[in-house]
Protein backbone atom coordinates (compact mmCIF):
# COMPACT_ATOMS: atom_id res chain seq x y z
CA MET A 1 -0.19 0.20 0.36
CA LYS A 2 1.20 3.20 -0.49
CA PRO A 3 1.33 6.46 1.96
CA TRP A 4 -1.27 9.25 1.60
CA LEU A 5 0.22 12.23 1.17
CA MET A 6 -2.70 14.34 2.98
CA LEU A 7 -5.55 13.70 3.86
CA SER A 8 -8.61 16.44 2.92
CA PRO A 9 -12.06 14.74 2.86
CA LEU A 10 -11.93 15.41 -1.01
CA LEU A 11 -8.55 13.70 -1.43
CA ILE A 12 -9.90 10.40 0.37
CA ALA A 13 -13.05 10.56 -2.00
CA LEU A 14 -11.00 10.63 -4.97
CA LEU A 15 -8.18 8.53 -4.07
CA SER A 16 -10.39 5.71 -2.55
CA THR A 17 -11.22 4.43 -6.09
CA SER A 18 -7.42 3.53 -6.73
CA ALA A 19 -6.09 0.05 -5.94
CA HIS A 20 -4.25 1.66 -3.03
CA ALA A 21 -7.30 2.34 -0.88
CA HIS A 22 -7.27 -0.03 1.62
CA GLY A 23 -7.99 0.34 5.00
CA ILE A 24 -10.42 3.31 4.58
CA TRP A 25 -13.41 2.39 6.99
CA LEU A 26 -16.01 2.81 10.20
CA LEU A 27 -15.91 0.52 13.00
CA PRO A 28 -18.90 -0.06 15.15
CA SER A 29 -18.17 -1.30 18.79
CA SER A 30 -21.51 -3.45 18.12
CA THR A 31 -23.64 -4.70 14.90
CA VAL A 32 -26.93 -6.49 16.65
CA LEU A 33 -28.68 -4.97 19.86
CA SER A 34 -31.61 -5.97 21.50
CA ALA A 35 -32.31 -2.88 23.01
CA PRO A 36 -31.95 0.90 22.13
CA GLN A 37 -28.62 2.20 23.26
CA PHE A 38 -25.40 3.55 22.60
CA VAL A 39 -22.74 2.66 20.10
CA THR A 40 -19.28 3.83 19.64
CA PHE A 41 -17.51 4.23 16.19
CA ASP A 42 -14.00 4.32 14.77
CA ALA A 43 -12.99 5.89 11.38
CA ALA A 44 -9.89 5.99 10.07
CA VAL A 45 -7.50 5.33 7.24
CA SER A 46 -4.82 3.21 7.76
CA ASN A 47 -2.20 0.45 6.81
CA ASP A 48 -3.70 -2.50 8.49
CA ILE A 49 -7.98 -3.67 7.92
CA PHE A 50 -9.34 -1.95 11.47
CA HIS A 51 -6.20 -1.13 13.24
CA PHE A 52 -5.97 2.80 13.31
CA ASN A 53 -2.04 3.25 13.00
CA HIS A 54 -1.87 6.08 10.18
CA ARG A 55 -4.46 8.87 10.07
CA PRO A 56 -8.27 9.72 11.23
CA LEU A 57 -11.31 9.81 8.77
CA PRO A 58 -12.87 12.95 8.55
CA VAL A 59 -16.74 12.79 9.36
CA ASP A 60 -17.88 16.02 8.37
CA GLN A 61 -19.87 14.14 5.55
CA LEU A 62 -20.94 11.46 7.39
CA LYS A 63 -24.84 10.65 7.48
CA ILE A 64 -26.29 8.48 10.00
CA VAL A 65 -29.91 7.16 8.32
CA ALA A 66 -32.49 5.51 10.84
CA PRO A 67 -34.96 3.36 10.37
CA ASP A 68 -37.31 5.86 9.49
CA ARG A 69 -35.27 7.93 6.70
CA SER A 70 -34.55 10.55 9.33
CA LEU A 71 -31.03 11.66 9.98
CA LEU A 72 -29.17 10.97 13.44
CA ALA A 73 -26.82 13.39 14.56
CA PRO A 74 -23.04 11.94 15.98
CA GLU A 75 -22.57 12.68 19.31
CA ASN A 76 -18.86 13.43 21.47
CA VAL A 77 -16.84 13.67 17.94
CA ALA A 78 -13.45 13.88 18.34
CA LYS A 79 -10.77 13.79 16.13
CA GLY A 80 -7.31 12.56 17.16
CA GLU A 81 -4.08 11.80 15.12
CA LEU A 82 -4.74 8.24 14.42
CA ARG A 83 -8.77 8.11 14.24
CA THR A 84 -11.92 9.87 14.86
CA THR A 85 -14.43 8.57 16.91
CA PHE A 86 -18.16 9.16 17.77
CA ASP A 87 -21.62 7.67 19.50
CA ALA A 88 -24.49 7.55 17.80
CA ASN A 89 -27.70 7.01 20.32
CA LEU A 90 -29.50 4.51 18.30
CA LYS A 91 -33.22 4.48 20.15
CA GLN A 92 -35.82 3.43 17.09
CA THR A 93 -35.92 -0.54 16.45
CA GLY A 94 -34.40 -1.11 13.07
CA THR A 95 -31.36 -1.12 11.18
CA TYR A 96 -29.39 2.01 10.93
CA LYS A 97 -27.11 2.94 7.75
CA LEU A 98 -24.63 4.83 8.60
CA GLN A 99 -22.22 6.18 4.98
CA ILE A 100 -19.61 8.66 3.81
CA VAL A 101 -20.33 9.57 0.21
CA ARG A 102 -17.84 11.89 -1.43
CA SER A 103 -17.14 12.67 -5.01
CA GLY A 104 -14.75 15.09 -7.11
CA LEU A 105 -12.64 15.56 -9.92
CA ARG A 106 -8.84 14.49 -10.49
CA ALA A 107 -6.73 16.27 -13.81
CA ARG A 108 -3.24 16.23 -15.19
CA TRP A 109 -2.41 18.84 -18.41
CA LYS A 110 0.41 19.87 -19.55
CA GLU A 111 1.21 23.98 -20.07
CA GLY A 112 4.70 24.00 -22.25
CA SER A 113 6.79 21.12 -20.78
CA GLU A 114 5.77 21.54 -17.59
CA ALA A 115 2.80 18.63 -15.67
CA LYS A 116 -0.09 19.87 -13.95
CA ARG A 117 -2.38 17.82 -11.07
CA PHE A 118 -5.38 18.90 -9.95
CA MET A 119 -8.03 17.11 -7.24
CA GLY A 120 -11.14 19.13 -6.32
CA ASP A 121 -14.40 19.90 -7.78
CA ALA A 122 -15.48 20.95 -11.24
CA GLU A 123 -15.59 24.82 -10.51
CA LYS A 124 -12.41 24.55 -9.15
CA LEU A 125 -10.90 23.09 -12.13
CA ARG A 126 -12.68 25.36 -14.62
CA GLN A 127 -10.92 28.21 -12.94
CA GLN A 128 -7.35 26.58 -12.71
CA LEU A 129 -7.40 25.04 -16.47
CA PRO A 130 -5.88 27.20 -18.47
CA ALA A 131 -7.04 27.66 -22.44
CA ASN A 132 -3.67 26.71 -23.84
CA ALA A 133 -3.28 23.15 -21.96
CA THR A 134 -2.28 20.14 -23.49
CA ASP A 135 -2.66 16.66 -23.09
CA VAL A 136 -5.65 17.36 -20.41
CA GLU A 137 -7.20 14.28 -18.66
CA VAL A 138 -10.01 14.89 -16.42
CA ASN A 139 -11.70 11.65 -14.19
CA GLU A 140 -14.62 12.14 -12.30
CA SER A 141 -14.55 9.80 -8.47
CA ALA A 142 -16.80 8.81 -6.33
CA SER A 143 -16.70 6.65 -3.01
CA ARG A 144 -19.02 5.36 -0.65
CA ILE A 145 -17.89 3.86 2.72
CA GLU A 146 -20.91 2.39 4.79
CA THR A 147 -21.51 0.04 7.89
CA TYR A 148 -24.66 -0.79 9.74
CA VAL A 149 -26.03 -1.35 12.98
CA THR A 150 -29.71 -3.09 14.11
CA VAL A 151 -31.46 -2.48 16.96
CA GLY A 152 -33.85 -5.49 17.47
CA THR A 153 -35.68 -6.39 14.51
CA PRO A 154 -33.88 -5.45 11.13
CA SER A 155 -35.70 -3.39 8.31
CA GLU A 156 -34.23 -3.04 5.32
CA PRO A 157 -31.64 -0.32 4.30
CA PRO A 158 -32.46 2.37 1.97
CA LEU A 159 -30.46 2.90 -1.26
CA ASP A 160 -29.62 6.07 -2.81
CA GLN A 161 -29.76 4.78 -5.99
CA LYS A 162 -26.86 6.88 -6.81
CA GLY A 163 -23.26 5.98 -7.72
CA LEU A 164 -22.05 2.27 -6.65
CA GLU A 165 -23.72 0.73 -3.91
CA MET A 166 -24.19 -2.95 -2.56
CA ARG A 167 -27.71 -4.74 -1.52
CA SER A 168 -27.42 -8.03 0.49
CA GLU A 169 -29.79 -10.73 -0.02
CA THR A 170 -29.20 -11.55 3.28
CA HIS A 171 -29.46 -8.64 5.91
CA PRO A 172 -26.00 -7.21 6.79
CA ASN A 173 -26.75 -7.48 10.19
CA ASP A 174 -27.40 -11.72 9.76
CA LEU A 175 -24.16 -12.45 8.53
CA VAL A 176 -23.42 -16.27 9.82
CA ALA A 177 -19.71 -17.64 9.32
CA GLY A 178 -20.22 -20.47 6.89
CA GLU A 179 -23.54 -20.10 5.26
CA GLN A 180 -23.66 -18.84 1.65
CA ILE A 181 -23.77 -14.69 1.34
CA THR A 182 -25.74 -13.46 -1.74
CA LEU A 183 -24.59 -9.70 -2.79
CA GLN A 184 -25.74 -7.66 -5.39
CA PHE A 185 -23.57 -4.62 -6.59
CA LEU A 186 -25.77 -1.83 -8.13
CA VAL A 187 -24.40 1.56 -10.18
CA ASP A 188 -27.15 4.14 -10.41
CA GLY A 189 -29.99 1.69 -8.79
CA LYS A 190 -29.26 -0.58 -11.67
CA PRO A 191 -27.28 -4.19 -11.72
CA ALA A 192 -23.68 -3.61 -12.54
CA ALA A 193 -21.60 -6.57 -13.85
CA GLY A 194 -18.11 -6.94 -13.98
CA VAL A 195 -17.22 -5.20 -10.04
CA GLN A 196 -14.20 -5.96 -8.76
CA ILE A 197 -14.55 -6.93 -5.32
CA GLU A 198 -12.07 -7.71 -2.24
CA VAL A 199 -13.12 -9.33 1.08
CA VAL A 200 -10.35 -8.99 3.79
CA ARG A 201 -11.19 -10.13 7.76
CA GLY A 202 -10.20 -7.84 10.20
CA GLU A 203 -6.56 -8.83 12.49
CA SER A 204 -4.61 -8.77 9.20
CA ARG A 205 -2.09 -7.20 10.22
CA TYR A 206 -1.35 -10.59 12.83
CA ARG A 207 -1.59 -12.62 9.84
CA ASN A 208 1.99 -12.58 6.98
CA ASP A 209 -0.96 -13.66 4.46
CA PRO A 210 -4.12 -10.64 4.56
CA GLU A 211 -5.98 -13.68 2.46
CA PRO A 212 -7.93 -11.57 0.41
CA LEU A 213 -10.55 -12.90 -1.14
CA LYS A 214 -11.44 -11.54 -4.32
CA LEU A 215 -14.42 -11.71 -6.68
CA THR A 216 -16.05 -10.25 -9.84
CA SER A 217 -19.73 -9.37 -10.02
CA GLY A 218 -22.40 -11.49 -12.82
CA ALA A 219 -24.19 -9.90 -15.19
CA ASP A 220 -26.64 -9.68 -12.53
CA GLY A 221 -24.46 -7.72 -10.44
CA ARG A 222 -24.34 -10.26 -8.18
CA VAL A 223 -21.50 -12.64 -5.95
CA ARG A 224 -21.91 -15.73 -4.18
CA LEU A 225 -19.60 -16.27 -1.50
CA ALA A 226 -19.47 -17.55 2.44
CA LEU A 227 -16.76 -16.34 4.89
CA GLU A 228 -15.68 -19.32 6.99
CA ARG A 229 -14.56 -17.71 10.42
CA ALA A 230 -16.66 -15.30 12.11
CA GLY A 231 -15.38 -11.54 12.72
CA MET A 232 -15.08 -8.18 11.22
CA TYR A 233 -14.58 -7.76 7.65
CA TRP A 234 -13.80 -5.31 5.27
CA LEU A 235 -15.25 -5.05 1.37
CA ASP A 236 -14.24 -3.24 -0.95
CA ALA A 237 -15.85 -2.43 -4.68
CA ASP A 238 -14.64 -0.87 -7.67
CA ILE A 239 -15.72 -0.26 -11.20
CA THR A 240 -15.06 2.24 -13.78
CA ASP A 241 -17.39 3.64 -16.46
CA ASN A 242 -18.01 7.09 -18.48
CA LYS A 243 -21.36 8.11 -17.11
CA VAL A 244 -20.24 11.12 -16.02
CA SER A 245 -21.77 14.01 -14.35
CA ASP A 246 -19.65 16.71 -15.72
CA LYS A 247 -18.28 17.44 -19.18
CA LEU A 248 -15.17 17.51 -18.43
CA ALA A 249 -14.72 14.20 -17.37
CA LYS A 250 -14.32 11.00 -19.50
CA GLU A 251 -14.55 8.51 -17.10
CA ARG A 252 -16.05 7.69 -13.95
CA SER A 253 -14.38 5.99 -11.15
CA LEU A 254 -16.52 4.45 -8.09
CA ALA A 255 -15.94 2.90 -5.12
CA TYR A 256 -17.48 1.07 -2.21
CA THR A 257 -16.58 0.08 1.00
CA VAL A 258 -18.40 -1.40 3.70
CA THR A 259 -17.70 -2.85 7.26
CA LEU A 260 -19.42 -6.35 7.95
CA GLU A 261 -19.69 -8.17 10.98
CA VAL A 262 -19.99 -12.47 10.23
CA LEU A 263 -21.49 -14.20 13.17
CA PRO A 264 -20.24 -17.65 14.82
CA LYS A 265 -22.54 -20.74 14.03
């Protein structure tokens, strides 16, 4: 994994669509609760999955979506040198979805013999891109970081129908070691073929081999797998297309990351 040179929220969005984006995650203290209570979350960018040893993950764009689709504000937010922490007071019965969604443009061009690079939004790029620029390349990037917590009876987490998303045909808070799981990946609400997926069990720091499971979604956007060991898992999915939202860009890179807990039998 390559080191992170800086950690602005937009840079995370842009770089999280690359192959070097391992270790961006939200980690709940619990994913299944029998009654309403507080849950604490860690948010970090790390060199080892769920081991905070690099930088905190900003949560300025965090959304906590309650079972009734209302938004819940995080409490006790604290940003340290290695991680961000916050609490959520989960009072409703059902499934909460936590998500950080970001997007932007990255570009490179030449001004004479000098190479230039840019990461930011379209308006700023238009201001900085000179009329005499040559060899211009502009890509759009969008990332989504998620996790789920259920209080009592599970409910169906909502989809945004935008960017790359995942629908778990087994509820994401009801995953059991050794049992088959079917996941469907969607782009702008439609099944997406060819999504590249990597799944890694936590505590990879203590294994010589992180033992990544690599999959590709089929024509219906689905993958089927069985995770043999209980624990917290990190899943990353990536796909590229040409459905850009701004005509400056020619290509769109989409990334999705989720933390899932697999329970013992």
